Protein backbone atom coordinates (compact mmCIF):
# COMPACT_ATOMS: atom_id res chain seq x y z
CA MET A 1 -19.67 12.81 8.21
CA ALA A 2 -19.71 13.65 11.88
CA ALA A 3 -22.65 15.30 13.63
CA VAL A 4 -22.44 17.65 16.55
CA THR A 5 -25.10 18.74 19.09
CA ILE A 6 -24.67 22.03 20.90
CA ARG A 7 -26.52 22.17 24.17
CA ASN A 8 -27.29 25.13 26.40
CA LEU A 9 -26.77 27.76 23.72
CA SER A 10 -28.28 31.01 24.81
CA GLU A 11 -31.26 32.45 22.99
CA GLU A 12 -29.17 35.58 22.23
CA ALA A 13 -26.43 33.51 20.61
CA HIS A 14 -28.93 31.48 18.63
CA ARG A 15 -30.65 34.65 17.43
CA ALA A 16 -27.29 36.21 16.48
CA LEU A 17 -26.39 33.05 14.54
CA LYS A 18 -29.66 33.21 12.62
CA VAL A 19 -29.07 36.88 11.76
CA ARG A 20 -25.48 36.21 10.70
CA ALA A 21 -26.61 33.27 8.58
CA ALA A 22 -29.20 35.41 6.86
CA GLN A 23 -26.55 38.06 6.15
CA HIS A 24 -24.39 35.42 4.42
CA ASN A 25 -27.42 33.84 2.62
CA ARG A 26 -26.95 30.52 4.42
CA SER A 27 -28.92 28.32 6.76
CA THR A 28 -28.08 28.53 10.46
CA GLU A 29 -26.51 25.10 10.24
CA ALA A 30 -24.35 26.10 7.28
CA GLU A 31 -23.28 29.24 9.16
CA MET A 32 -22.26 27.20 12.20
CA ARG A 33 -20.23 24.86 9.93
CA ALA A 34 -18.49 27.88 8.40
CA ILE A 35 -17.68 29.38 11.80
CA LEU A 36 -16.31 26.10 13.10
CA GLU A 37 -14.19 25.47 9.95
CA ALA A 38 -12.72 28.98 10.14
CA ALA A 39 -11.92 28.51 13.82
CA VAL A 40 -10.16 25.16 13.56
CA ARG A 41 -8.66 25.51 10.03
CA PRO A 42 -7.65 29.18 9.60
CA GLU A 43 -6.31 30.25 6.20
CA GLY A 44 -2.93 31.29 7.62
CA ARG A 45 -2.25 28.01 9.27
CA LEU A 46 1.11 26.32 8.81
CA ARG A 47 0.89 23.46 6.35
CA LEU A 48 3.81 21.13 7.01
CA GLY A 49 4.13 19.74 3.47
CA THR A 50 4.10 23.21 1.96
CA ALA A 51 6.69 24.46 4.47
CA LEU A 52 9.02 21.54 3.83
CA SER A 53 8.64 21.95 0.05
CA GLU A 54 9.51 25.70 0.29
CA MET A 55 12.50 24.94 2.51
CA SER A 56 13.89 22.36 0.13
CA ARG A 57 13.43 24.74 -2.81
CA LYS A 58 15.31 27.47 -0.99
CA ILE A 59 18.31 25.25 -0.35
CA GLY A 60 18.22 23.77 -3.85
CA LEU A 61 17.30 20.21 -2.91
CA THR A 62 16.36 18.12 -5.94
CA ASN A 63 14.67 14.78 -6.50
CA ALA A 64 18.06 13.32 -7.24
CA ASP A 65 19.26 14.41 -3.78
CA VAL A 66 16.29 12.70 -2.11
CA GLU A 67 16.92 9.52 -4.16
CA ALA A 68 20.57 9.53 -3.12
CA LEU A 69 19.52 9.81 0.55
CA GLU A 70 17.09 6.95 0.15
CA TYR A 71 19.74 4.80 -1.67
CA GLY A 72 22.31 5.37 1.11
CA ARG A 73 19.93 4.48 3.89
CA GLY A 74 20.15 0.96 5.26
CA THR A 75 17.24 -1.45 4.98
CA ARG A 76 17.66 -2.87 8.46
CA PRO A 77 15.47 -1.37 11.16
CA ALA A 78 17.26 0.99 13.62
CA GLU A 79 18.40 -0.44 16.89
CA PRO A 80 16.47 0.90 19.86
CA MET A 81 18.30 3.27 22.22
CA ARG A 82 19.58 1.76 25.47
CA PHE A 83 19.55 3.80 28.65
CA GLU A 84 21.94 2.00 30.96
């Protein structure tokens, strides 16, 4: 697991973190982890797999359709594009 060091944090911010952690019954470190997780992984974020699954359900795509696409696809690698 990665470790992060935060330098030059103001005393006011550190004190506020400690108060917030106490309000949530967590350590200051656990509170910082929770804040960072919420900032970089918000609940409403778009999840690509979920979005694709919902789209395929809406249009009625089935496993048989996907298998047919895979069967019809060639096994040779695609030729690179030429810009001449």
